[in-house]
PDB file of N, CA and C in Angstrom:
ATOM      1  N   ASP A   1      90.727 127.406 173.591  1.00  0.00           N
ATOM      2  CA  ASP A   1      90.252 126.656 172.436  1.00  0.00           C
ATOM      3  C   ASP A   1      89.585 125.362 172.897  1.00  0.00           C
ATOM      4  N   PRO A   2      88.468 125.019 172.276  1.00  0.00           N
ATOM      5  CA  PRO A   2      87.800 123.768 172.644  1.00  0.00           C
ATOM      6  C   PRO A   2      88.557 122.570 172.093  1.00  0.00           C
ATOM      7  N   PRO A   3      88.382 121.414 172.719  1.00  0.00           N
ATOM      8  CA  PRO A   3      89.000 120.200 172.170  1.00  0.00           C
ATOM      9  C   PRO A   3      88.511 119.949 170.749  1.00  0.00           C
ATOM     10  N   VAL A   4      89.296 119.224 169.987  1.00  0.00           N
ATOM     11  CA  VAL A   4      88.964 118.996 168.579  1.00  0.00           C
ATOM     12  C   VAL A   4      87.612 118.300 168.442  1.00  0.00           C
ATOM     13  N   ALA A   5      87.349 117.306 169.290  1.00  0.00           N
ATOM     14  CA  ALA A   5      86.086 116.570 169.195  1.00  0.00           C
ATOM     15  C   ALA A   5      84.893 117.494 169.410  1.00  0.00           C
ATOM     16  N   ILE A   6      85.011 118.422 170.357  1.00  0.00           N
ATOM     17  CA  ILE A   6      83.921 119.366 170.615  1.00  0.00           C
ATOM     18  C   ILE A   6      83.754 120.305 169.433  1.00  0.00           C
ATOM     19  N   ALA A   7      84.860 120.803 168.902  1.00  0.00           N
ATOM     20  CA  ALA A   7      84.794 121.724 167.769  1.00  0.00           C
ATOM     21  C   ALA A   7      84.188 121.044 166.547  1.00  0.00           C
ATOM     22  N   VAL A   8      84.577 119.798 166.292  1.00  0.00           N
ATOM     23  CA  VAL A   8      84.026 119.067 165.151  1.00  0.00           C
ATOM     24  C   VAL A   8      82.542 118.809 165.359  1.00  0.00           C
ATOM     25  N   GLY A   9      82.157 118.449 166.573  1.00  0.00           N
ATOM     26  CA  GLY A   9      80.741 118.241 166.867  1.00  0.00           C
ATOM     27  C   GLY A   9      79.944 119.514 166.670  1.00  0.00           C
ATOM     28  N   ASP A  10      80.478 120.636 167.139  1.00  0.00           N
ATOM     29  CA  ASP A  10      79.795 121.920 166.965  1.00  0.00           C
ATOM     30  C   ASP A  10      79.656 122.259 165.490  1.00  0.00           C
ATOM     31  N   TRP A  11      80.716 121.997 164.709  1.00  0.00           N
ATOM     32  CA  TRP A  11      80.670 122.293 163.276  1.00  0.00           C
ATOM     33  C   TRP A  11      79.672 121.382 162.577  1.00  0.00           C
ATOM     34  N   TYR A  12      79.719 120.095 162.901  1.00  0.00           N
ATOM     35  CA  TYR A  12      78.874 119.117 162.205  1.00  0.00           C
ATOM     36  C   TYR A  12      77.400 119.373 162.481  1.00  0.00           C
ATOM     37  N   PHE A  13      77.086 119.705 163.718  1.00  0.00           N
ATOM     38  CA  PHE A  13      75.692 119.906 164.094  1.00  0.00           C
ATOM     39  C   PHE A  13      75.295 121.376 164.077  1.00  0.00           C
ATOM     40  N   ASP A  14      76.157 122.239 163.517  1.00  0.00           N
ATOM     41  CA  ASP A  14      75.880 123.675 163.408  1.00  0.00           C
ATOM     42  C   ASP A  14      75.587 124.310 164.757  1.00  0.00           C
ATOM     43  N   ARG A  15      76.282 123.861 165.802  1.00  0.00           N
ATOM     44  CA  ARG A  15      76.074 124.434 167.128  1.00  0.00           C
ATOM     45  C   ARG A  15      76.879 125.705 167.320  1.00  0.00           C
ATOM     46  N   ALA A  16      77.929 125.864 166.548  1.00  0.00           N
ATOM     47  CA  ALA A  16      78.768 127.047 166.683  1.00  0.00           C
ATOM     48  C   ALA A  16      79.441 127.318 165.347  1.00  0.00           C
ATOM     49  N   GLU A  17      79.840 128.568 165.168  1.00  0.00           N
ATOM     50  CA  GLU A  17      80.563 128.925 163.954  1.00  0.00           C
ATOM     51  C   GLU A  17      82.043 128.647 164.173  1.00  0.00           C
ATOM     52  N   VAL A  18      82.574 127.720 163.416  1.00  0.00           N
ATOM     53  CA  VAL A  18      83.990 127.376 163.533  1.00  0.00           C
ATOM     54  C   VAL A  18      84.760 128.201 162.517  1.00  0.00           C
ATOM     55  N   LYS A  19      85.621 129.075 163.016  1.00  0.00           N
ATOM     56  CA  LYS A  19      86.334 129.995 162.134  1.00  0.00           C
ATOM     57  C   LYS A  19      87.632 129.385 161.619  1.00  0.00           C
ATOM     58  N   LEU A  20      88.305 128.607 162.456  1.00  0.00           N
ATOM     59  CA  LEU A  20      89.599 128.070 162.056  1.00  0.00           C
ATOM     60  C   LEU A  20      89.806 126.717 162.713  1.00  0.00           C
ATOM     61  N   VAL A  21      90.149 125.745 161.909  1.00  0.00           N
ATOM     62  CA  VAL A  21      90.475 124.429 162.432  1.00  0.00           C
ATOM     63  C   VAL A  21      91.909 124.132 162.017  1.00  0.00           C
ATOM     64  N   VAL A  22      92.767 123.974 162.995  1.00  0.00           N
ATOM     65  CA  VAL A  22      94.169 123.701 162.714  1.00  0.00           C
ATOM     66  C   VAL A  22      94.379 122.200 162.813  1.00  0.00           C
ATOM     67  N   CYS A  23      94.831 121.601 161.715  1.00  0.00           N
ATOM     68  CA  CYS A  23      95.048 120.169 161.727  1.00  0.00           C
ATOM     69  C   CYS A  23      96.316 119.840 160.939  1.00  0.00           C
ATOM     70  N   PRO A  24      96.921 118.683 161.215  1.00  0.00           N
ATOM     71  CA  PRO A  24      98.201 118.332 160.599  1.00  0.00           C
ATOM     72  C   PRO A  24      98.096 117.862 159.160  1.00  0.00           C
ATOM     73  N   TYR A  25      96.909 117.928 158.566  1.00  0.00           N
ATOM     74  CA  TYR A  25      96.735 117.529 157.176  1.00  0.00           C
ATOM     75  C   TYR A  25      95.735 118.468 156.526  1.00  0.00           C
ATOM     76  N   PRO A  26      95.688 118.537 155.212  1.00  0.00           N
ATOM     77  CA  PRO A  26      94.719 119.422 154.551  1.00  0.00           C
ATOM     78  C   PRO A  26      93.296 118.996 154.886  1.00  0.00           C
ATOM     79  N   CYS A  27      92.591 119.830 155.633  1.00  0.00           N
ATOM     80  CA  CYS A  27      91.243 119.455 156.051  1.00  0.00           C
ATOM     81  C   CYS A  27      90.234 120.451 155.495  1.00  0.00           C
ATOM     82  N   ASP A  28      90.476 120.915 154.273  1.00  0.00           N
ATOM     83  CA  ASP A  28      89.518 121.815 153.643  1.00  0.00           C
ATOM     84  C   ASP A  28      88.570 120.997 152.774  1.00  0.00           C
ATOM     85  N   LYS A  29      87.868 121.640 151.865  1.00  0.00           N
ATOM     86  CA  LYS A  29      86.868 120.967 151.044  1.00  0.00           C
ATOM     87  C   LYS A  29      87.492 120.137 149.915  1.00  0.00           C
ATOM     88  N   SER A  30      88.825 120.034 149.876  1.00  0.00           N
ATOM     89  CA  SER A  30      89.482 119.320 148.787  1.00  0.00           C
ATOM     90  C   SER A  30      89.571 117.815 149.041  1.00  0.00           C
ATOM     91  N   CYS A  31      89.008 117.350 150.157  1.00  0.00           N
ATOM     92  CA  CYS A  31      89.061 115.915 150.460  1.00  0.00           C
ATOM     93  C   CYS A  31      87.962 115.199 149.695  1.00  0.00           C
ATOM     94  N   HIS A  32      88.090 115.160 148.377  1.00  0.00           N
ATOM     95  CA  HIS A  32      87.056 114.591 147.529  1.00  0.00           C
ATOM     96  C   HIS A  32      87.120 113.068 147.490  1.00  0.00           C
ATOM     97  N   ASN A  33      88.187 112.482 148.043  1.00  0.00           N
ATOM     98  CA  ASN A  33      88.320 111.032 147.985  1.00  0.00           C
ATOM     99  C   ASN A  33      87.771 110.342 149.230  1.00  0.00           C
ATOM    100  N   LEU A  34      87.135 111.091 150.122  1.00  0.00           N
ATOM    101  CA  LEU A  34      86.543 110.486 151.306  1.00  0.00           C
ATOM    102  C   LEU A  34      85.244 109.792 150.931  1.00  0.00           C
ATOM    103  N   VAL A  35      85.028 108.608 151.479  1.00  0.00           N
ATOM    104  CA  VAL A  35      83.809 107.852 151.203  1.00  0.00           C
ATOM    105  C   VAL A  35      83.066 107.673 152.518  1.00  0.00           C
ATOM    106  N   PHE A  36      81.842 108.193 152.569  1.00  0.00           N
ATOM    107  CA  PHE A  36      81.019 108.051 153.764  1.00  0.00           C
ATOM    108  C   PHE A  36      79.974 106.975 153.504  1.00  0.00           C
ATOM    109  N   ARG A  37      79.931 105.969 154.384  1.00  0.00           N
ATOM    110  CA  ARG A  37      78.973 104.870 154.192  1.00  0.00           C
ATOM    111  C   ARG A  37      77.933 104.885 155.275  1.00  0.00           C
TER     112      ARG A  37
END
C-alpha cells in the first residue's frame, strides 16, 4: 500500500484510481462542514 500522502496526491490529481482509503474518521463525501480557502 502506498503512503497516505501519495495516495491522497494520486486521488487529488487523478493520477491513480483509489479504491479504498482507510482512515480513523469518516472520510467520505459527508464532510460538508469543511471550508476550503
